[in-house]
PDB file of N, CA and C in Angstrom:
ATOM      1  N   MET A   1     233.403 101.638-107.357  1.00  0.00           N
ATOM      2  CA  MET A   1     234.445 102.126-106.480  1.00  0.00           C
ATOM      3  C   MET A   1     234.490 101.355-105.166  1.00  0.00           C
ATOM      4  N   ASN A   2     233.402 100.733-104.800  1.00  0.00           N
ATOM      5  CA  ASN A   2     233.352 100.017-103.525  1.00  0.00           C
ATOM      6  C   ASN A   2     233.939  98.617-103.598  1.00  0.00           C
ATOM      7  N   GLN A   3     234.196  98.137-104.784  1.00  0.00           N
ATOM      8  CA  GLN A   3     234.816  96.818-104.925  1.00  0.00           C
ATOM      9  C   GLN A   3     236.266  96.904-104.470  1.00  0.00           C
ATOM     10  N   PRO A   4     236.769  95.868-103.803  1.00  0.00           N
ATOM     11  CA  PRO A   4     238.183  95.881-103.432  1.00  0.00           C
ATOM     12  C   PRO A   4     239.065  96.196-104.652  1.00  0.00           C
ATOM     13  N   GLY A   5     239.961  97.147-104.481  1.00  0.00           N
ATOM     14  CA  GLY A   5     240.845  97.570-105.567  1.00  0.00           C
ATOM     15  C   GLY A   5     240.313  98.743-106.365  1.00  0.00           C
ATOM     16  N   GLY A   6     239.063  99.124-106.133  1.00  0.00           N
ATOM     17  CA  GLY A   6     238.449 100.211-106.901  1.00  0.00           C
ATOM     18  C   GLY A   6     239.108 101.563-106.681  1.00  0.00           C
ATOM     19  N   LYS A   7     239.343 101.898-105.440  1.00  0.00           N
ATOM     20  CA  LYS A   7     239.948 103.203-105.150  1.00  0.00           C
ATOM     21  C   LYS A   7     241.402 103.294-105.623  1.00  0.00           C
ATOM     22  N   PRO A   8     242.242 102.269-105.399  1.00  0.00           N
ATOM     23  CA  PRO A   8     243.599 102.343-105.958  1.00  0.00           C
ATOM     24  C   PRO A   8     243.599 102.431-107.491  1.00  0.00           C
ATOM     25  N   SER A   9     242.651 101.757-108.130  1.00  0.00           N
ATOM     26  CA  SER A   9     242.548 101.806-109.582  1.00  0.00           C
ATOM     27  C   SER A   9     242.214 103.223-110.041  1.00  0.00           C
ATOM     28  N   ARG A  10     241.256 103.852-109.379  1.00  0.00           N
ATOM     29  CA  ARG A  10     240.870 105.223-109.714  1.00  0.00           C
ATOM     30  C   ARG A  10     242.056 106.168-109.522  1.00  0.00           C
ATOM     31  N   TYR A  11     242.780 106.011-108.423  1.00  0.00           N
ATOM     32  CA  TYR A  11     243.934 106.858-108.153  1.00  0.00           C
ATOM     33  C   TYR A  11     244.993 106.691-109.253  1.00  0.00           C
ATOM     34  N   PHE A  12     245.252 105.450-109.632  1.00  0.00           N
ATOM     35  CA  PHE A  12     246.242 105.171-110.681  1.00  0.00           C
ATOM     36  C   PHE A  12     245.828 105.836-111.997  1.00  0.00           C
ATOM     37  N   LEU A  13     244.552 105.706-112.363  1.00  0.00           N
ATOM     38  CA  LEU A  13     244.066 106.307-113.600  1.00  0.00           C
ATOM     39  C   LEU A  13     244.145 107.828-113.533  1.00  0.00           C
ATOM     40  N   ARG A  14     243.843 108.394-112.382  1.00  0.00           N
ATOM     41  CA  ARG A  14     243.966 109.851-112.233  1.00  0.00           C
ATOM     42  C   ARG A  14     245.405 110.299-112.476  1.00  0.00           C
ATOM     43  N   GLN A  15     246.357 109.534-111.958  1.00  0.00           N
ATOM     44  CA  GLN A  15     247.760 109.888-112.154  1.00  0.00           C
ATOM     45  C   GLN A  15     248.132 109.842-113.638  1.00  0.00           C
ATOM     46  N   LEU A  16     247.528 108.919-114.368  1.00  0.00           N
ATOM     47  CA  LEU A  16     247.818 108.785-115.795  1.00  0.00           C
ATOM     48  C   LEU A  16     247.176 109.877-116.646  1.00  0.00           C
ATOM     49  N   ALA A  17     245.916 110.222-116.345  1.00  0.00           N
ATOM     50  CA  ALA A  17     245.133 110.972-117.317  1.00  0.00           C
ATOM     51  C   ALA A  17     244.483 112.268-116.841  1.00  0.00           C
ATOM     52  N   LEU A  18     244.404 112.505-115.560  1.00  0.00           N
ATOM     53  CA  LEU A  18     243.675 113.687-115.077  1.00  0.00           C
ATOM     54  C   LEU A  18     244.262 114.967-115.664  1.00  0.00           C
ATOM     55  N   GLY A  19     243.403 115.776-116.256  1.00  0.00           N
ATOM     56  CA  GLY A  19     243.809 117.055-116.820  1.00  0.00           C
ATOM     57  C   GLY A  19     244.511 116.962-118.163  1.00  0.00           C
ATOM     58  N   LYS A  20     244.578 115.774-118.727  1.00  0.00           N
ATOM     59  CA  LYS A  20     245.267 115.588-120.005  1.00  0.00           C
ATOM     60  C   LYS A  20     244.248 115.367-121.124  1.00  0.00           C
ATOM     61  N   MET A  21     244.650 115.722-122.323  1.00  0.00           N
ATOM     62  CA  MET A  21     243.815 115.479-123.492  1.00  0.00           C
ATOM     63  C   MET A  21     244.037 114.024-123.909  1.00  0.00           C
ATOM     64  N   VAL A  22     242.984 113.224-123.866  1.00  0.00           N
ATOM     65  CA  VAL A  22     243.070 111.816-124.246  1.00  0.00           C
ATOM     66  C   VAL A  22     242.236 111.584-125.498  1.00  0.00           C
ATOM     67  N   ARG A  23     242.505 110.466-126.144  1.00  0.00           N
ATOM     68  CA  ARG A  23     241.718 110.061-127.313  1.00  0.00           C
ATOM     69  C   ARG A  23     240.941 108.811-126.929  1.00  0.00           C
ATOM     70  N   VAL A  24     239.646 108.834-127.185  1.00  0.00           N
ATOM     71  CA  VAL A  24     238.784 107.703-126.867  1.00  0.00           C
ATOM     72  C   VAL A  24     238.363 107.038-128.168  1.00  0.00           C
ATOM     73  N   GLU A  25     238.659 105.742-128.254  1.00  0.00           N
ATOM     74  CA  GLU A  25     238.340 104.977-129.458  1.00  0.00           C
ATOM     75  C   GLU A  25     237.256 103.955-129.103  1.00  0.00           C
ATOM     76  N   ALA A  26     236.037 104.210-129.555  1.00  0.00           N
ATOM     77  CA  ALA A  26     234.913 103.318-129.267  1.00  0.00           C
ATOM     78  C   ALA A  26     235.142 101.969-129.937  1.00  0.00           C
ATOM     79  N   LYS A  27     234.869 100.890-129.197  1.00  0.00           N
ATOM     80  CA  LYS A  27     235.045  99.531-129.712  1.00  0.00           C
ATOM     81  C   LYS A  27     233.720  98.795-129.863  1.00  0.00           C
ATOM     82  N   ASP A  28     232.777  99.087-128.958  1.00  0.00           N
ATOM     83  CA  ASP A  28     231.533  98.325-128.903  1.00  0.00           C
ATOM     84  C   ASP A  28     230.550  99.088-128.028  1.00  0.00           C
ATOM     85  N   THR A  29     229.353  98.553-127.887  1.00  0.00           N
ATOM     86  CA  THR A  29     228.357  99.068-126.955  1.00  0.00           C
ATOM     87  C   THR A  29     227.899  97.892-126.123  1.00  0.00           C
ATOM     88  N   ASN A  30     227.824  98.075-124.804  1.00  0.00           N
ATOM     89  CA  ASN A  30     227.402  96.959-123.971  1.00  0.00           C
ATOM     90  C   ASN A  30     225.883  96.861-123.908  1.00  0.00           C
ATOM     91  N   ARG A  31     225.388  95.893-123.193  1.00  0.00           N
ATOM     92  CA  ARG A  31     223.940  95.649-123.171  1.00  0.00           C
ATOM     93  C   ARG A  31     223.156  96.758-122.479  1.00  0.00           C
ATOM     94  N   TYR A  32     223.843  97.650-121.775  1.00  0.00           N
ATOM     95  CA  TYR A  32     223.182  98.779-121.119  1.00  0.00           C
ATOM     96  C   TYR A  32     223.285 100.050-121.954  1.00  0.00           C
ATOM     97  N   GLY A  33     223.826  99.929-123.172  1.00  0.00           N
ATOM     98  CA  GLY A  33     223.956 101.070-124.056  1.00  0.00           C
ATOM     99  C   GLY A  33     225.199 101.922-123.801  1.00  0.00           C
ATOM    100  N   ARG A  34     226.095 101.445-122.917  1.00  0.00           N
ATOM    101  CA  ARG A  34     227.318 102.196-122.623  1.00  0.00           C
ATOM    102  C   ARG A  34     228.404 101.836-123.638  1.00  0.00           C
ATOM    103  N   THR A  35     229.213 102.825-123.955  1.00  0.00           N
ATOM    104  CA  THR A  35     230.302 102.626-124.905  1.00  0.00           C
ATOM    105  C   THR A  35     231.450 101.874-124.253  1.00  0.00           C
ATOM    106  N   VAL A  36     231.912 100.848-124.935  1.00  0.00           N
ATOM    107  CA  VAL A  36     233.120 100.124-124.540  1.00  0.00           C
ATOM    108  C   VAL A  36     234.225 100.721-125.397  1.00  0.00           C
ATOM    109  N   ALA A  37     235.277 101.261-124.749  1.00  0.00           N
ATOM    110  CA  ALA A  37     236.275 102.007-125.512  1.00  0.00           C
ATOM    111  C   ALA A  37     237.681 101.777-124.990  1.00  0.00           C
ATOM    112  N   GLU A  38     238.638 102.165-125.822  1.00  0.00           N
ATOM    113  CA  GLU A  38     240.030 102.206-125.405  1.00  0.00           C
ATOM    114  C   GLU A  38     240.405 103.682-125.300  1.00  0.00           C
ATOM    115  N   VAL A  39     241.097 104.022-124.235  1.00  0.00           N
ATOM    116  CA  VAL A  39     241.497 105.406-123.986  1.00  0.00           C
ATOM    117  C   VAL A  39     243.001 105.522-124.184  1.00  0.00           C
ATOM    118  N   PHE A  40     243.395 106.454-125.041  1.00  0.00           N
ATOM    119  CA  PHE A  40     244.807 106.652-125.336  1.00  0.00           C
ATOM    120  C   PHE A  40     245.305 107.939-124.698  1.00  0.00           C
ATOM    121  N   LEU A  41     246.441 107.833-124.041  1.00  0.00           N
ATOM    122  CA  LEU A  41     247.080 108.966-123.386  1.00  0.00           C
ATOM    123  C   LEU A  41     247.797 109.827-124.429  1.00  0.00           C
ATOM    124  N   PRO A  42     248.165 111.063-124.071  1.00  0.00           N
ATOM    125  CA  PRO A  42     248.837 111.935-125.045  1.00  0.00           C
ATOM    126  C   PRO A  42     250.109 111.333-125.658  1.00  0.00           C
ATOM    127  N   ASP A  43     250.802 110.468-124.920  1.00  0.00           N
ATOM    128  CA  ASP A  43     252.021 109.859-125.455  1.00  0.00           C
ATOM    129  C   ASP A  43     251.746 108.605-126.294  1.00  0.00           C
ATOM    130  N   GLY A  44     250.464 108.299-126.511  1.00  0.00           N
ATOM    131  CA  GLY A  44     250.082 107.167-127.352  1.00  0.00           C
ATOM    132  C   GLY A  44     249.843 105.869-126.613  1.00  0.00           C
ATOM    133  N   ARG A  45     250.233 105.805-125.333  1.00  0.00           N
ATOM    134  CA  ARG A  45     249.985 104.574-124.568  1.00  0.00           C
ATOM    135  C   ARG A  45     248.491 104.404-124.315  1.00  0.00           C
ATOM    136  N   SER A  46     248.073 103.166-124.191  1.00  0.00           N
ATOM    137  CA  SER A  46     246.689 102.849-123.861  1.00  0.00           C
ATOM    138  C   SER A  46     246.518 102.891-122.343  1.00  0.00           C
ATOM    139  N   ALA A  47     245.610 103.736-121.872  1.00  0.00           N
ATOM    140  CA  ALA A  47     245.323 103.781-120.435  1.00  0.00           C
ATOM    141  C   ALA A  47     244.770 102.431-119.982  1.00  0.00           C
ATOM    142  N   ASN A  48     243.986 101.791-120.843  1.00  0.00           N
ATOM    143  CA  ASN A  48     243.441 100.472-120.520  1.00  0.00           C
ATOM    144  C   ASN A  48     244.574  99.494-120.228  1.00  0.00           C
ATOM    145  N   ALA A  49     245.555  99.458-121.128  1.00  0.00           N
ATOM    146  CA  ALA A  49     246.684  98.535-120.979  1.00  0.00           C
ATOM    147  C   ALA A  49     247.513  98.879-119.745  1.00  0.00           C
ATOM    148  N   GLU A  50     247.701 100.151-119.469  1.00  0.00           N
ATOM    149  CA  GLU A  50     248.480 100.555-118.302  1.00  0.00           C
ATOM    150  C   GLU A  50     247.794 100.099-117.009  1.00  0.00           C
ATOM    151  N   LEU A  51     246.475 100.198-116.956  1.00  0.00           N
ATOM    152  CA  LEU A  51     245.727  99.726-115.789  1.00  0.00           C
ATOM    153  C   LEU A  51     245.886  98.223-115.609  1.00  0.00           C
ATOM    154  N   VAL A  52     245.790  97.479-116.697  1.00  0.00           N
ATOM    155  CA  VAL A  52     245.925  96.020-116.630  1.00  0.00           C
ATOM    156  C   VAL A  52     247.345  95.640-116.222  1.00  0.00           C
ATOM    157  N   LYS A  53     248.358  96.283-116.830  1.00  0.00           N
ATOM    158  CA  LYS A  53     249.756  95.972-116.522  1.00  0.00           C
ATOM    159  C   LYS A  53     250.084  96.207-115.052  1.00  0.00           C
ATOM    160  N   ALA A  54     249.470  97.234-114.469  1.00  0.00           N
ATOM    161  CA  ALA A  54     249.736  97.574-113.075  1.00  0.00           C
ATOM    162  C   ALA A  54     248.884  96.752-112.108  1.00  0.00           C
ATOM    163  N   GLY A  55     248.020  95.895-112.648  1.00  0.00           N
ATOM    164  CA  GLY A  55     247.179  95.057-111.799  1.00  0.00           C
ATOM    165  C   GLY A  55     245.954  95.777-111.265  1.00  0.00           C
ATOM    166  N   HIS A  56     245.542  96.849-111.934  1.00  0.00           N
ATOM    167  CA  HIS A  56     244.388  97.622-111.469  1.00  0.00           C
ATOM    168  C   HIS A  56     243.129  97.375-112.283  1.00  0.00           C
ATOM    169  N   ALA A  57     243.179  96.450-113.219  1.00  0.00           N
ATOM    170  CA  ALA A  57     241.999  96.164-114.034  1.00  0.00           C
ATOM    171  C   ALA A  57     242.070  94.733-114.562  1.00  0.00           C
ATOM    172  N   TRP A  58     240.910  94.177-114.762  1.00  0.00           N
ATOM    173  CA  TRP A  58     240.761  92.863-115.374  1.00  0.00           C
ATOM    174  C   TRP A  58     240.581  93.035-116.874  1.00  0.00           C
ATOM    175  N   VAL A  59     240.941  92.049-117.638  1.00  0.00           N
ATOM    176  CA  VAL A  59     240.614  92.020-119.065  1.00  0.00           C
ATOM    177  C   VAL A  59     239.231  91.389-119.168  1.00  0.00           C
ATOM    178  N   TYR A  60     238.306  92.131-119.752  1.00  0.00           N
ATOM    179  CA  TYR A  60     236.950  91.610-119.932  1.00  0.00           C
ATOM    180  C   TYR A  60     236.914  90.913-121.278  1.00  0.00           C
ATOM    181  N   ARG A  61     237.097  89.628-121.254  1.00  0.00           N
ATOM    182  CA  ARG A  61     237.278  88.851-122.474  1.00  0.00           C
ATOM    183  C   ARG A  61     236.064  88.850-123.402  1.00  0.00           C
ATOM    184  N   HIS A  62     234.908  89.166-122.878  1.00  0.00           N
ATOM    185  CA  HIS A  62     233.715  89.239-123.727  1.00  0.00           C
ATOM    186  C   HIS A  62     233.893  90.300-124.811  1.00  0.00           C
ATOM    187  N   TYR A  63     234.515  91.422-124.464  1.00  0.00           N
ATOM    188  CA  TYR A  63     234.722  92.506-125.418  1.00  0.00           C
ATOM    189  C   TYR A  63     236.128  92.523-125.994  1.00  0.00           C
ATOM    190  N   CYS A  64     236.980  91.675-125.467  1.00  0.00           N
ATOM    191  CA  CYS A  64     238.381  91.681-125.896  1.00  0.00           C
ATOM    192  C   CYS A  64     238.815  90.232-126.153  1.00  0.00           C
ATOM    193  N   ARG A  65     238.206  89.639-127.145  1.00  0.00           N
ATOM    194  CA  ARG A  65     238.437  88.217-127.411  1.00  0.00           C
ATOM    195  C   ARG A  65     239.819  87.925-127.987  1.00  0.00           C
ATOM    196  N   HIS A  66     240.372  88.866-128.722  1.00  0.00           N
ATOM    197  CA  HIS A  66     241.648  88.636-129.401  1.00  0.00           C
ATOM    198  C   HIS A  66     242.705  89.629-128.927  1.00  0.00           C
ATOM    199  N   CYS A  67     242.727  89.873-127.646  1.00  0.00           N
ATOM    200  CA  CYS A  67     243.633  90.872-127.070  1.00  0.00           C
ATOM    201  C   CYS A  67     244.819  90.181-126.409  1.00  0.00           C
ATOM    202  N   LEU A  68     245.660  89.593-127.219  1.00  0.00           N
ATOM    203  CA  LEU A  68     246.795  88.836-126.703  1.00  0.00           C
ATOM    204  C   LEU A  68     247.669  89.677-125.773  1.00  0.00           C
ATOM    205  N   GLY A  69     247.958  90.909-126.167  1.00  0.00           N
ATOM    206  CA  GLY A  69     248.800  91.773-125.348  1.00  0.00           C
ATOM    207  C   GLY A  69     248.200  92.052-123.980  1.00  0.00           C
ATOM    208  N   LEU A  70     246.895  92.339-123.939  1.00  0.00           N
ATOM    209  CA  LEU A  70     246.235  92.595-122.656  1.00  0.00           C
ATOM    210  C   LEU A  70     246.173  91.332-121.808  1.00  0.00           C
ATOM    211  N   ASN A  71     245.895  90.200-122.447  1.00  0.00           N
ATOM    212  CA  ASN A  71     245.839  88.946-121.696  1.00  0.00           C
ATOM    213  C   ASN A  71     247.202  88.614-121.092  1.00  0.00           C
ATOM    214  N   LEU A  72     248.253  88.858-121.845  1.00  0.00           N
ATOM    215  CA  LEU A  72     249.605  88.635-121.345  1.00  0.00           C
ATOM    216  C   LEU A  72     249.918  89.596-120.201  1.00  0.00           C
ATOM    217  N   ALA A  73     249.535  90.858-120.351  1.00  0.00           N
ATOM    218  CA  ALA A  73     249.767  91.854-119.300  1.00  0.00           C
ATOM    219  C   ALA A  73     249.043  91.457-118.012  1.00  0.00           C
ATOM    220  N   GLU A  74     247.817  90.960-118.150  1.00  0.00           N
ATOM    221  CA  GLU A  74     247.078  90.525-116.960  1.00  0.00           C
ATOM    222  C   GLU A  74     247.765  89.328-116.309  1.00  0.00           C
ATOM    223  N   ALA A  75     248.204  88.376-117.116  1.00  0.00           N
ATOM    224  CA  ALA A  75     248.878  87.195-116.573  1.00  0.00           C
ATOM    225  C   ALA A  75     250.154  87.583-115.822  1.00  0.00           C
ATOM    226  N   LEU A  76     250.910  88.534-116.374  1.00  0.00           N
ATOM    227  CA  LEU A  76     252.137  88.986-115.702  1.00  0.00           C
ATOM    228  C   LEU A  76     251.824  89.721-114.395  1.00  0.00           C
ATOM    229  N   ALA A  77     250.792  90.554-114.409  1.00  0.00           N
ATOM    230  CA  ALA A  77     250.396  91.261-113.185  1.00  0.00           C
ATOM    231  C   ALA A  77     249.967  90.255-112.116  1.00  0.00           C
ATOM    232  N   ARG A  78     249.240  89.218-112.532  1.00  0.00           N
ATOM    233  CA  ARG A  78     248.832  88.163-111.585  1.00  0.00           C
ATOM    234  C   ARG A  78     250.054  87.478-110.990  1.00  0.00           C
ATOM    235  N   LEU A  79     250.972  87.066-111.851  1.00  0.00           N
ATOM    236  CA  LEU A  79     252.188  86.375-111.383  1.00  0.00           C
ATOM    237  C   LEU A  79     253.011  87.234-110.435  1.00  0.00           C
ATOM    238  N   ARG A  80     253.056  88.524-110.698  1.00  0.00           N
ATOM    239  CA  ARG A  80     253.846  89.438-109.872  1.00  0.00           C
ATOM    240  C   ARG A  80     253.098  89.907-108.624  1.00  0.00           C
ATOM    241  N   GLY A  81     251.800  89.581-108.533  1.00  0.00           N
ATOM    242  CA  GLY A  81     251.008  89.994-107.377  1.00  0.00           C
ATOM    243  C   GLY A  81     250.797  91.493-107.302  1.00  0.00           C
ATOM    244  N   LEU A  82     250.614  92.119-108.466  1.00  0.00           N
ATOM    245  CA  LEU A  82     250.434  93.567-108.515  1.00  0.00           C
ATOM    246  C   LEU A  82     248.980  93.966-108.316  1.00  0.00           C
ATOM    247  N   GLY A  83     248.761  95.120-107.713  1.00  0.00           N
ATOM    248  CA  GLY A  83     247.418  95.685-107.588  1.00  0.00           C
ATOM    249  C   GLY A  83     246.435  94.726-106.949  1.00  0.00           C
ATOM    250  N   LEU A  84     245.335  94.507-107.635  1.00  0.00           N
ATOM    251  CA  LEU A  84     244.279  93.647-107.086  1.00  0.00           C
ATOM    252  C   LEU A  84     244.716  92.203-106.955  1.00  0.00           C
ATOM    253  N   TRP A  85     245.780  91.828-107.645  1.00  0.00           N
ATOM    254  CA  TRP A  85     246.293  90.458-107.569  1.00  0.00           C
ATOM    255  C   TRP A  85     247.110  90.220-106.299  1.00  0.00           C
ATOM    256  N   ALA A  86     247.350  91.250-105.503  1.00  0.00           N
ATOM    257  CA  ALA A  86     248.062  91.087-104.237  1.00  0.00           C
ATOM    258  C   ALA A  86     247.153  90.472-103.176  1.00  0.00           C
ATOM    259  N   ALA A  87     245.856  90.663-103.333  1.00  0.00           N
ATOM    260  CA  ALA A  87     244.886  90.133-102.367  1.00  0.00           C
ATOM    261  C   ALA A  87     244.520  88.691-102.727  1.00  0.00           C
ATOM    262  N   PRO A  88     244.240  87.881-101.722  1.00  0.00           N
ATOM    263  CA  PRO A  88     243.816  86.507-102.022  1.00  0.00           C
ATOM    264  C   PRO A  88     242.402  86.486-102.617  1.00  0.00           C
ATOM    265  N   GLY A  89     242.207  85.716-103.650  1.00  0.00           N
ATOM    266  CA  GLY A  89     240.886  85.515-104.242  1.00  0.00           C
ATOM    267  C   GLY A  89     240.200  86.743-104.790  1.00  0.00           C
ATOM    268  N   PRO A  90     240.858  87.526-105.660  1.00  0.00           N
ATOM    269  CA  PRO A  90     240.174  88.690-106.233  1.00  0.00           C
ATOM    270  C   PRO A  90     238.944  88.256-107.027  1.00  0.00           C
ATOM    271  N   ILE A  91     237.920  89.063-106.967  1.00  0.00           N
ATOM    272  CA  ILE A  91     236.647  88.749-107.619  1.00  0.00           C
ATOM    273  C   ILE A  91     236.494  89.617-108.856  1.00  0.00           C
ATOM    274  N   PRO A  92     236.215  89.014-110.011  1.00  0.00           N
ATOM    275  CA  PRO A  92     236.018  89.812-111.225  1.00  0.00           C
ATOM    276  C   PRO A  92     234.882  90.820-111.025  1.00  0.00           C
ATOM    277  N   PRO A  93     234.993  92.001-111.604  1.00  0.00           N
ATOM    278  CA  PRO A  93     233.965  93.027-111.392  1.00  0.00           C
ATOM    279  C   PRO A  93     232.579  92.588-111.835  1.00  0.00           C
ATOM    280  N   TRP A  94     232.473  91.808-112.910  1.00  0.00           N
ATOM    281  CA  TRP A  94     231.162  91.355-113.370  1.00  0.00           C
ATOM    282  C   TRP A  94     230.534  90.405-112.360  1.00  0.00           C
ATOM    283  N   THR A  95     231.320  89.651-111.644  1.00  0.00           N
ATOM    284  CA  THR A  95     230.799  88.774-110.595  1.00  0.00           C
ATOM    285  C   THR A  95     230.454  89.593-109.352  1.00  0.00           C
ATOM    286  N   TRP A  96     231.323  90.528-108.999  1.00  0.00           N
ATOM    287  CA  TRP A  96     231.113  91.366-107.815  1.00  0.00           C
ATOM    288  C   TRP A  96     229.817  92.167-107.943  1.00  0.00           C
ATOM    289  N   ARG A  97     229.562  92.723-109.122  1.00  0.00           N
ATOM    290  CA  ARG A  97     228.349  93.529-109.331  1.00  0.00           C
ATOM    291  C   ARG A  97     227.090  92.698-109.146  1.00  0.00           C
ATOM    292  N   LYS A  98     227.123  91.429-109.544  1.00  0.00           N
ATOM    293  CA  LYS A  98     225.939  90.570-109.395  1.00  0.00           C
ATOM    294  C   LYS A  98     225.582  90.353-107.936  1.00  0.00           C
ATOM    295  N   THR A  99     226.577  90.346-107.059  1.00  0.00           N
ATOM    296  CA  THR A  99     226.315  90.078-105.648  1.00  0.00           C
ATOM    297  C   THR A  99     226.231  91.353-104.806  1.00  0.00           C
ATOM    298  N   HIS A 100     226.448  92.511-105.433  1.00  0.00           N
ATOM    299  CA  HIS A 100     226.415  93.792-104.721  1.00  0.00           C
ATOM    300  C   HIS A 100     225.566  94.794-105.504  1.00  0.00           C
ATOM    301  N   ARG A 101     224.365  94.422-105.798  1.00  0.00           N
ATOM    302  CA  ARG A 101     223.480  95.254-106.632  1.00  0.00           C
ATOM    303  C   ARG A 101     223.247  96.653-106.037  1.00  0.00           C
ATOM    304  N   SER A 102     223.281  96.792-104.726  1.00  0.00           N
ATOM    305  CA  SER A 102     222.992  98.087-104.103  1.00  0.00           C
ATOM    306  C   SER A 102     224.040  99.142-104.419  1.00  0.00           C
ATOM    307  N   TYR A 103     225.221  98.746-104.892  1.00  0.00           N
ATOM    308  CA  TYR A 103     226.282  99.701-105.219  1.00  0.00           C
ATOM    309  C   TYR A 103     226.178 100.233-106.639  1.00  0.00           C
ATOM    310  N   GLN A 104     225.268  99.711-107.423  1.00  0.00           N
ATOM    311  CA  GLN A 104     225.204 100.125-108.840  1.00  0.00           C
ATOM    312  C   GLN A 104     224.397 101.384-109.007  1.00  0.00           C
TER     313      GLN A 104
END
């Protein structure tokens, strides 16, 4: 949450899903044993994709190697300067965490 863009991202996700019944589809497990998943909203949209389209999330290509739609959504959000792409030099979360260990 302390990374630039973290709080707007959380707010956006709350607007999408808070208090709603969602479907979670597990895709993988990361090296820390956490589930990597896609979250579907009641209307069938992917919350993951909505976050990326709005510029509130990065596509983590390690777990999403063949996600053409998400990669395109991220590229469009970047071009439009949406969300975290409005700031100069956004830092990927995996890079930010390495340099800000005290926030984990």
